[in-house]
PDB file of N, CA and C in Angstrom:
ATOM      1  N   UNK A   1      -7.742   7.287   0.656  1.00  0.00           N
ATOM      2  CA  UNK A   1      -8.140   6.494   1.808  1.00  0.00           C
ATOM      3  C   UNK A   1      -8.252   7.405   3.013  1.00  0.00           C
ATOM      4  N   UNK A   2      -9.295   7.211   3.786  1.00  0.00           N
ATOM      5  CA  UNK A   2      -9.519   7.977   5.009  1.00  0.00           C
ATOM      6  C   UNK A   2      -9.073   7.116   6.178  1.00  0.00           C
ATOM      7  N   UNK A   3      -8.249   7.675   7.056  1.00  0.00           N
ATOM      8  CA  UNK A   3      -7.775   6.931   8.227  1.00  0.00           C
ATOM      9  C   UNK A   3      -8.926   6.632   9.177  1.00  0.00           C
ATOM     10  N   UNK A   4      -8.715   5.676  10.063  1.00  0.00           N
ATOM     11  CA  UNK A   4      -9.764   5.277  10.998  1.00  0.00           C
ATOM     12  C   UNK A   4     -10.216   6.424  11.892  1.00  0.00           C
ATOM     13  N   UNK A   5      -9.352   7.418  12.101  1.00  0.00           N
ATOM     14  CA  UNK A   5      -9.755   8.564  12.922  1.00  0.00           C
ATOM     15  C   UNK A   5     -10.427   9.652  12.093  1.00  0.00           C
ATOM     16  N   UNK A   6     -10.647   9.391  10.786  1.00  0.00           N
ATOM     17  CA  UNK A   6     -11.343  10.332   9.913  1.00  0.00           C
ATOM     18  C   UNK A   6     -10.450  11.323   9.203  1.00  0.00           C
ATOM     19  N   UNK A   7      -9.152  11.297   9.481  1.00  0.00           N
ATOM     20  CA  UNK A   7      -8.256  12.248   8.840  1.00  0.00           C
ATOM     21  C   UNK A   7      -7.779  11.734   7.483  1.00  0.00           C
ATOM     22  N   UNK A   8      -7.383  12.658   6.659  1.00  0.00           N
ATOM     23  CA  UNK A   8      -6.814  12.345   5.349  1.00  0.00           C
ATOM     24  C   UNK A   8      -5.564  13.199   5.185  1.00  0.00           C
ATOM     25  N   UNK A   9      -4.853  12.972   4.127  1.00  0.00           N
ATOM     26  CA  UNK A   9      -3.735  13.847   3.816  1.00  0.00           C
ATOM     27  C   UNK A   9      -3.724  14.075   2.316  1.00  0.00           C
ATOM     28  N   UNK A  10      -3.253  15.214   1.923  1.00  0.00           N
ATOM     29  CA  UNK A  10      -3.148  15.545   0.504  1.00  0.00           C
ATOM     30  C   UNK A  10      -1.668  15.551   0.146  1.00  0.00           C
ATOM     31  N   UNK A  11      -1.282  14.557  -0.603  1.00  0.00           N
ATOM     32  CA  UNK A  11       0.104  14.423  -1.015  1.00  0.00           C
ATOM     33  C   UNK A  11       0.121  14.291  -2.528  1.00  0.00           C
ATOM     34  N   UNK A  12       0.820  15.174  -3.215  1.00  0.00           N
ATOM     35  CA  UNK A  12       0.877  15.026  -4.669  1.00  0.00           C
ATOM     36  C   UNK A  12       1.498  13.679  -5.031  1.00  0.00           C
ATOM     37  N   UNK A  13       0.862  12.937  -5.951  1.00  0.00           N
ATOM     38  CA  UNK A  13       1.423  11.631  -6.299  1.00  0.00           C
ATOM     39  C   UNK A  13       2.774  11.779  -6.975  1.00  0.00           C
ATOM     40  N   UNK A  14       3.639  10.813  -6.700  1.00  0.00           N
ATOM     41  CA  UNK A  14       4.942  10.768  -7.340  1.00  0.00           C
ATOM     42  C   UNK A  14       4.921   9.730  -8.449  1.00  0.00           C
ATOM     43  N   UNK A  15       6.074   9.160  -8.714  1.00  0.00           N
ATOM     44  CA  UNK A  15       6.178   8.156  -9.770  1.00  0.00           C
ATOM     45  C   UNK A  15       6.571   6.793  -9.225  1.00  0.00           C
ATOM     46  N   UNK A  16       6.897   6.697  -7.927  1.00  0.00           N
ATOM     47  CA  UNK A  16       7.369   5.450  -7.333  1.00  0.00           C
ATOM     48  C   UNK A  16       6.319   4.357  -7.345  1.00  0.00           C
ATOM     49  N   UNK A  17       6.715   3.199  -7.820  1.00  0.00           N
ATOM     50  CA  UNK A  17       5.859   2.010  -7.791  1.00  0.00           C
ATOM     51  C   UNK A  17       6.492   1.023  -6.830  1.00  0.00           C
ATOM     52  N   UNK A  18       6.103  -0.219  -6.887  1.00  0.00           N
ATOM     53  CA  UNK A  18       6.508  -1.225  -5.935  1.00  0.00           C
ATOM     54  C   UNK A  18       8.012  -1.262  -5.679  1.00  0.00           C
ATOM     55  N   UNK A  19       8.380  -1.110  -4.421  1.00  0.00           N
ATOM     56  CA  UNK A  19       9.771  -1.136  -3.943  1.00  0.00           C
ATOM     57  C   UNK A  19      10.653  -0.044  -4.520  1.00  0.00           C
ATOM     58  N   UNK A  20      10.060   0.955  -5.148  1.00  0.00           N
ATOM     59  CA  UNK A  20      10.822   2.103  -5.645  1.00  0.00           C
ATOM     60  C   UNK A  20      10.797   3.198  -4.580  1.00  0.00           C
ATOM     61  N   UNK A  21      11.729   4.141  -4.653  1.00  0.00           N
ATOM     62  CA  UNK A  21      11.758   5.213  -3.651  1.00  0.00           C
ATOM     63  C   UNK A  21      10.506   6.090  -3.685  1.00  0.00           C
ATOM     64  N   UNK A  22      10.127   6.612  -2.526  1.00  0.00           N
ATOM     65  CA  UNK A  22       9.025   7.546  -2.408  1.00  0.00           C
ATOM     66  C   UNK A  22       9.449   8.877  -3.037  1.00  0.00           C
ATOM     67  N   UNK A  23       8.576   9.728  -3.507  1.00  0.00           N
ATOM     68  CA  UNK A  23       7.127   9.691  -3.387  1.00  0.00           C
ATOM     69  C   UNK A  23       6.506   8.670  -4.339  1.00  0.00           C
ATOM     70  N   UNK A  24       5.367   8.140  -3.894  1.00  0.00           N
ATOM     71  CA  UNK A  24       4.730   7.020  -4.579  1.00  0.00           C
ATOM     72  C   UNK A  24       3.626   7.456  -5.534  1.00  0.00           C
ATOM     73  N   UNK A  25       3.414   6.625  -6.542  1.00  0.00           N
ATOM     74  CA  UNK A  25       2.347   6.831  -7.510  1.00  0.00           C
ATOM     75  C   UNK A  25       0.991   6.526  -6.870  1.00  0.00           C
ATOM     76  N   UNK A  26      -0.069   6.907  -7.555  1.00  0.00           N
ATOM     77  CA  UNK A  26      -1.429   6.614  -7.125  1.00  0.00           C
ATOM     78  C   UNK A  26      -1.571   5.105  -6.910  1.00  0.00           C
ATOM     79  N   UNK A  27      -2.168   4.694  -5.795  1.00  0.00           N
ATOM     80  CA  UNK A  27      -2.371   3.285  -5.501  1.00  0.00           C
ATOM     81  C   UNK A  27      -1.253   2.661  -4.681  1.00  0.00           C
ATOM     82  N   UNK A  28      -0.280   3.468  -4.302  1.00  0.00           N
ATOM     83  CA  UNK A  28       0.846   2.994  -3.495  1.00  0.00           C
ATOM     84  C   UNK A  28       0.985   3.890  -2.277  1.00  0.00           C
ATOM     85  N   UNK A  29       1.641   3.378  -1.247  1.00  0.00           N
ATOM     86  CA  UNK A  29       1.862   4.141  -0.030  1.00  0.00           C
ATOM     87  C   UNK A  29       3.343   4.028   0.340  1.00  0.00           C
ATOM     88  N   UNK A  30       3.873   5.071   0.925  1.00  0.00           N
ATOM     89  CA  UNK A  30       5.283   5.099   1.290  1.00  0.00           C
ATOM     90  C   UNK A  30       5.501   4.431   2.646  1.00  0.00           C
ATOM     91  N   UNK A  31       6.386   3.439   2.681  1.00  0.00           N
ATOM     92  CA  UNK A  31       6.790   2.822   3.941  1.00  0.00           C
ATOM     93  C   UNK A  31       7.891   3.701   4.526  1.00  0.00           C
ATOM     94  N   UNK A  32       7.585   4.420   5.562  1.00  0.00           N
ATOM     95  CA  UNK A  32       8.543   5.370   6.146  1.00  0.00           C
ATOM     96  C   UNK A  32       9.825   4.684   6.611  1.00  0.00           C
ATOM     97  N   UNK A  33       9.721   3.420   7.045  1.00  0.00           N
ATOM     98  CA  UNK A  33      10.904   2.726   7.553  1.00  0.00           C
ATOM     99  C   UNK A  33      11.932   2.447   6.465  1.00  0.00           C
ATOM    100  N   UNK A  34      11.474   2.256   5.222  1.00  0.00           N
ATOM    101  CA  UNK A  34      12.398   1.939   4.129  1.00  0.00           C
ATOM    102  C   UNK A  34      12.433   3.004   3.043  1.00  0.00           C
ATOM    103  N   UNK A  35      11.514   3.985   3.114  1.00  0.00           N
ATOM    104  CA  UNK A  35      11.356   5.012   2.085  1.00  0.00           C
ATOM    105  C   UNK A  35      11.091   4.386   0.712  1.00  0.00           C
ATOM    106  N   UNK A  36      10.350   3.253   0.711  1.00  0.00           N
ATOM    107  CA  UNK A  36       9.980   2.581  -0.531  1.00  0.00           C
ATOM    108  C   UNK A  36       8.459   2.441  -0.602  1.00  0.00           C
ATOM    109  N   UNK A  37       7.965   2.313  -1.820  1.00  0.00           N
ATOM    110  CA  UNK A  37       6.522   2.241  -2.055  1.00  0.00           C
ATOM    111  C   UNK A  37       5.985   0.820  -1.934  1.00  0.00           C
ATOM    112  N   UNK A  38       4.812   0.705  -1.311  1.00  0.00           N
ATOM    113  CA  UNK A  38       4.093  -0.553  -1.174  1.00  0.00           C
ATOM    114  C   UNK A  38       2.733  -0.387  -1.853  1.00  0.00           C
ATOM    115  N   UNK A  39       2.226  -1.454  -2.458  1.00  0.00           N
ATOM    116  CA  UNK A  39       0.946  -1.397  -3.153  1.00  0.00           C
ATOM    117  C   UNK A  39      -0.210  -1.500  -2.168  1.00  0.00           C
ATOM    118  N   UNK A  40      -1.148  -0.558  -2.243  1.00  0.00           N
ATOM    119  CA  UNK A  40      -2.361  -0.610  -1.434  1.00  0.00           C
ATOM    120  C   UNK A  40      -3.292  -1.677  -1.985  1.00  0.00           C
ATOM    121  N   UNK A  41      -4.107  -2.280  -1.114  1.00  0.00           N
ATOM    122  CA  UNK A  41      -5.042  -3.317  -1.549  1.00  0.00           C
ATOM    123  C   UNK A  41      -6.230  -3.379  -0.601  1.00  0.00           C
ATOM    124  N   UNK A  42      -7.268  -4.054  -1.053  1.00  0.00           N
ATOM    125  CA  UNK A  42      -8.431  -4.342  -0.220  1.00  0.00           C
ATOM    126  C   UNK A  42      -8.302  -5.788   0.241  1.00  0.00           C
ATOM    127  N   UNK A  43      -8.393  -6.013   1.539  1.00  0.00           N
ATOM    128  CA  UNK A  43      -8.209  -7.347   2.107  1.00  0.00           C
ATOM    129  C   UNK A  43      -9.165  -8.350   1.459  1.00  0.00           C
ATOM    130  N   UNK A  44     -10.397  -7.959   1.206  1.00  0.00           N
ATOM    131  CA  UNK A  44     -11.396  -8.867   0.635  1.00  0.00           C
ATOM    132  C   UNK A  44     -11.103  -9.218  -0.821  1.00  0.00           C
ATOM    133  N   UNK A  45     -10.248  -8.479  -1.493  1.00  0.00           N
ATOM    134  CA  UNK A  45      -9.962  -8.699  -2.912  1.00  0.00           C
ATOM    135  C   UNK A  45      -8.488  -9.020  -3.130  1.00  0.00           C
ATOM    136  N   UNK A  46      -7.848  -9.621  -2.131  1.00  0.00           N
ATOM    137  CA  UNK A  46      -6.401  -9.826  -2.142  1.00  0.00           C
ATOM    138  C   UNK A  46      -5.912 -10.650  -3.323  1.00  0.00           C
ATOM    139  N   UNK A  47      -6.639 -11.695  -3.718  1.00  0.00           N
ATOM    140  CA  UNK A  47      -6.148 -12.547  -4.807  1.00  0.00           C
ATOM    141  C   UNK A  47      -6.091 -11.787  -6.122  1.00  0.00           C
ATOM    142  N   UNK A  48      -6.998 -10.870  -6.351  1.00  0.00           N
ATOM    143  CA  UNK A  48      -6.994 -10.087  -7.584  1.00  0.00           C
ATOM    144  C   UNK A  48      -5.990  -8.941  -7.523  1.00  0.00           C
ATOM    145  N   UNK A  49      -5.807  -8.345  -6.369  1.00  0.00           N
ATOM    146  CA  UNK A  49      -4.951  -7.166  -6.243  1.00  0.00           C
ATOM    147  C   UNK A  49      -3.508  -7.509  -5.896  1.00  0.00           C
ATOM    148  N   UNK A  50      -3.271  -8.706  -5.371  1.00  0.00           N
ATOM    149  CA  UNK A  50      -1.929  -9.119  -4.949  1.00  0.00           C
ATOM    150  C   UNK A  50      -1.618 -10.512  -5.504  1.00  0.00           C
ATOM    151  N   UNK A  51      -1.473 -10.662  -6.818  1.00  0.00           N
ATOM    152  CA  UNK A  51      -1.237 -11.989  -7.397  1.00  0.00           C
ATOM    153  C   UNK A  51      -0.036 -12.695  -6.751  1.00  0.00           C
ATOM    154  N   UNK A  52      -0.261 -13.918  -6.310  1.00  0.00           N
ATOM    155  CA  UNK A  52       0.808 -14.703  -5.703  1.00  0.00           C
ATOM    156  C   UNK A  52       1.115 -14.321  -4.273  1.00  0.00           C
ATOM    157  N   UNK A  53       0.414 -13.349  -3.735  1.00  0.00           N
ATOM    158  CA  UNK A  53       0.661 -12.901  -2.370  1.00  0.00           C
ATOM    159  C   UNK A  53      -0.645 -12.712  -1.637  1.00  0.00           C
ATOM    160  N   UNK A  54      -0.612 -11.854  -0.647  1.00  0.00           N
ATOM    161  CA  UNK A  54      -1.806 -11.576   0.140  1.00  0.00           C
ATOM    162  C   UNK A  54      -1.834 -10.108   0.525  1.00  0.00           C
ATOM    163  N   UNK A  55      -2.987  -9.660   0.949  1.00  0.00           N
ATOM    164  CA  UNK A  55      -3.158  -8.281   1.394  1.00  0.00           C
ATOM    165  C   UNK A  55      -3.095  -8.275   2.915  1.00  0.00           C
ATOM    166  N   UNK A  56      -2.073  -7.659   3.464  1.00  0.00           N
ATOM    167  CA  UNK A  56      -1.882  -7.604   4.910  1.00  0.00           C
ATOM    168  C   UNK A  56      -2.575  -6.367   5.454  1.00  0.00           C
ATOM    169  N   UNK A  57      -3.667  -6.589   6.151  1.00  0.00           N
ATOM    170  CA  UNK A  57      -4.415  -5.489   6.750  1.00  0.00           C
ATOM    171  C   UNK A  57      -3.848  -5.115   8.105  1.00  0.00           C
ATOM    172  N   UNK A  58      -4.457  -4.116   8.719  1.00  0.00           N
ATOM    173  CA  UNK A  58      -4.018  -3.676  10.034  1.00  0.00           C
ATOM    174  C   UNK A  58      -2.667  -2.995  10.006  1.00  0.00           C
ATOM    175  N   UNK A  59      -2.323  -2.425   8.859  1.00  0.00           N
ATOM    176  CA  UNK A  59      -1.017  -1.805   8.678  1.00  0.00           C
ATOM    177  C   UNK A  59      -1.109  -0.297   8.896  1.00  0.00           C
ATOM    178  N   UNK A  60      -0.343   0.200   9.831  1.00  0.00           N
ATOM    179  CA  UNK A  60      -0.276   1.647  10.056  1.00  0.00           C
ATOM    180  C   UNK A  60      -1.628   2.261  10.343  1.00  0.00           C
ATOM    181  N   UNK A  61      -1.914   3.351   9.677  1.00  0.00           N
ATOM    182  CA  UNK A  61      -3.147   4.091   9.902  1.00  0.00           C
ATOM    183  C   UNK A  61      -4.207   3.801   8.851  1.00  0.00           C
ATOM    184  N   UNK A  62      -4.094   2.685   8.125  1.00  0.00           N
ATOM    185  CA  UNK A  62      -5.087   2.368   7.106  1.00  0.00           C
ATOM    186  C   UNK A  62      -6.389   1.931   7.763  1.00  0.00           C
ATOM    187  N   UNK A  63      -7.510   2.270   7.148  1.00  0.00           N
ATOM    188  CA  UNK A  63      -8.795   1.874   7.733  1.00  0.00           C
ATOM    189  C   UNK A  63      -9.030   0.373   7.614  1.00  0.00           C
ATOM    190  N   UNK A  64      -9.971  -0.160   8.382  1.00  0.00           N
ATOM    191  CA  UNK A  64     -10.283  -1.586   8.292  1.00  0.00           C
ATOM    192  C   UNK A  64     -10.628  -1.969   6.857  1.00  0.00           C
ATOM    193  N   UNK A  65     -10.144  -3.142   6.449  1.00  0.00           N
ATOM    194  CA  UNK A  65     -10.424  -3.623   5.107  1.00  0.00           C
ATOM    195  C   UNK A  65      -9.363  -3.260   4.088  1.00  0.00           C
ATOM    196  N   UNK A  66      -8.410  -2.392   4.447  1.00  0.00           N
ATOM    197  CA  UNK A  66      -7.324  -2.000   3.557  1.00  0.00           C
ATOM    198  C   UNK A  66      -5.992  -2.448   4.128  1.00  0.00           C
ATOM    199  N   UNK A  67      -5.038  -2.683   3.242  1.00  0.00           N
ATOM    200  CA  UNK A  67      -3.702  -3.086   3.669  1.00  0.00           C
ATOM    201  C   UNK A  67      -2.706  -2.879   2.539  1.00  0.00           C
ATOM    202  N   UNK A  68      -1.592  -3.585   2.602  1.00  0.00           N
ATOM    203  CA  UNK A  68      -0.570  -3.533   1.563  1.00  0.00           C
ATOM    204  C   UNK A  68      -0.266  -4.958   1.119  1.00  0.00           C
ATOM    205  N   UNK A  69       0.081  -5.112  -0.161  1.00  0.00           N
ATOM    206  CA  UNK A  69       0.406  -6.423  -0.715  1.00  0.00           C
ATOM    207  C   UNK A  69       1.751  -6.912  -0.171  1.00  0.00           C
ATOM    208  N   UNK A  70       1.777  -8.167   0.247  1.00  0.00           N
ATOM    209  CA  UNK A  70       3.004  -8.827   0.686  1.00  0.00           C
ATOM    210  C   UNK A  70       3.055 -10.206   0.069  1.00  0.00           C
ATOM    211  N   UNK A  71       4.272 -10.718  -0.157  1.00  0.00           N
ATOM    212  CA  UNK A  71       4.442 -12.043  -0.729  1.00  0.00           C
ATOM    213  C   UNK A  71       4.277 -12.035  -2.229  1.00  0.00           C
ATOM    214  N   UNK A  72       4.617 -13.140  -2.859  1.00  0.00           N
ATOM    215  CA  UNK A  72       4.486 -13.246  -4.306  1.00  0.00           C
ATOM    216  C   UNK A  72       5.382 -12.266  -5.032  1.00  0.00           C
ATOM    217  N   UNK A  73       5.020 -11.950  -6.238  1.00  0.00           N
ATOM    218  CA  UNK A  73       5.855 -11.032  -7.027  1.00  0.00           C
ATOM    219  C   UNK A  73       5.844  -9.633  -6.476  1.00  0.00           C
ATOM    220  N   UNK A  74       4.857  -9.286  -5.653  1.00  0.00           N
ATOM    221  CA  UNK A  74       4.781  -7.927  -5.120  1.00  0.00           C
ATOM    222  C   UNK A  74       5.971  -7.578  -4.243  1.00  0.00           C
ATOM    223  N   UNK A  75       6.612  -8.584  -3.617  1.00  0.00           N
ATOM    224  CA  UNK A  75       7.788  -8.297  -2.799  1.00  0.00           C
ATOM    225  C   UNK A  75       9.075  -8.289  -3.616  1.00  0.00           C
ATOM    226  N   UNK A  76       9.018  -8.826  -4.830  1.00  0.00           N
ATOM    227  CA  UNK A  76      10.231  -8.969  -5.639  1.00  0.00           C
ATOM    228  C   UNK A  76      10.757  -7.627  -6.125  1.00  0.00           C
ATOM    229  N   UNK A  77       9.843  -6.714  -6.445  1.00  0.00           N
ATOM    230  CA  UNK A  77      10.192  -5.376  -6.863  1.00  0.00           C
ATOM    231  C   UNK A  77      11.065  -5.360  -8.036  1.00  0.00           C
TER     232      UNK A  77
END
């Protein structure tokens, strides 16, 4: 994912999945406040990517249209 300011970062993927400690696997992002992994999603495809929850956009430095899954089983970890 490219940030809204055009920057990217190269971080070797880890093994962390939902609510597991960082570093995170491909498709997840590290929440610095909790040091746990959150699932990345596309806001327009939230029902498919976040079953039982929603895709919360406007999170951190993610570009428009991207967010992290919240609610449903995605928060249960």
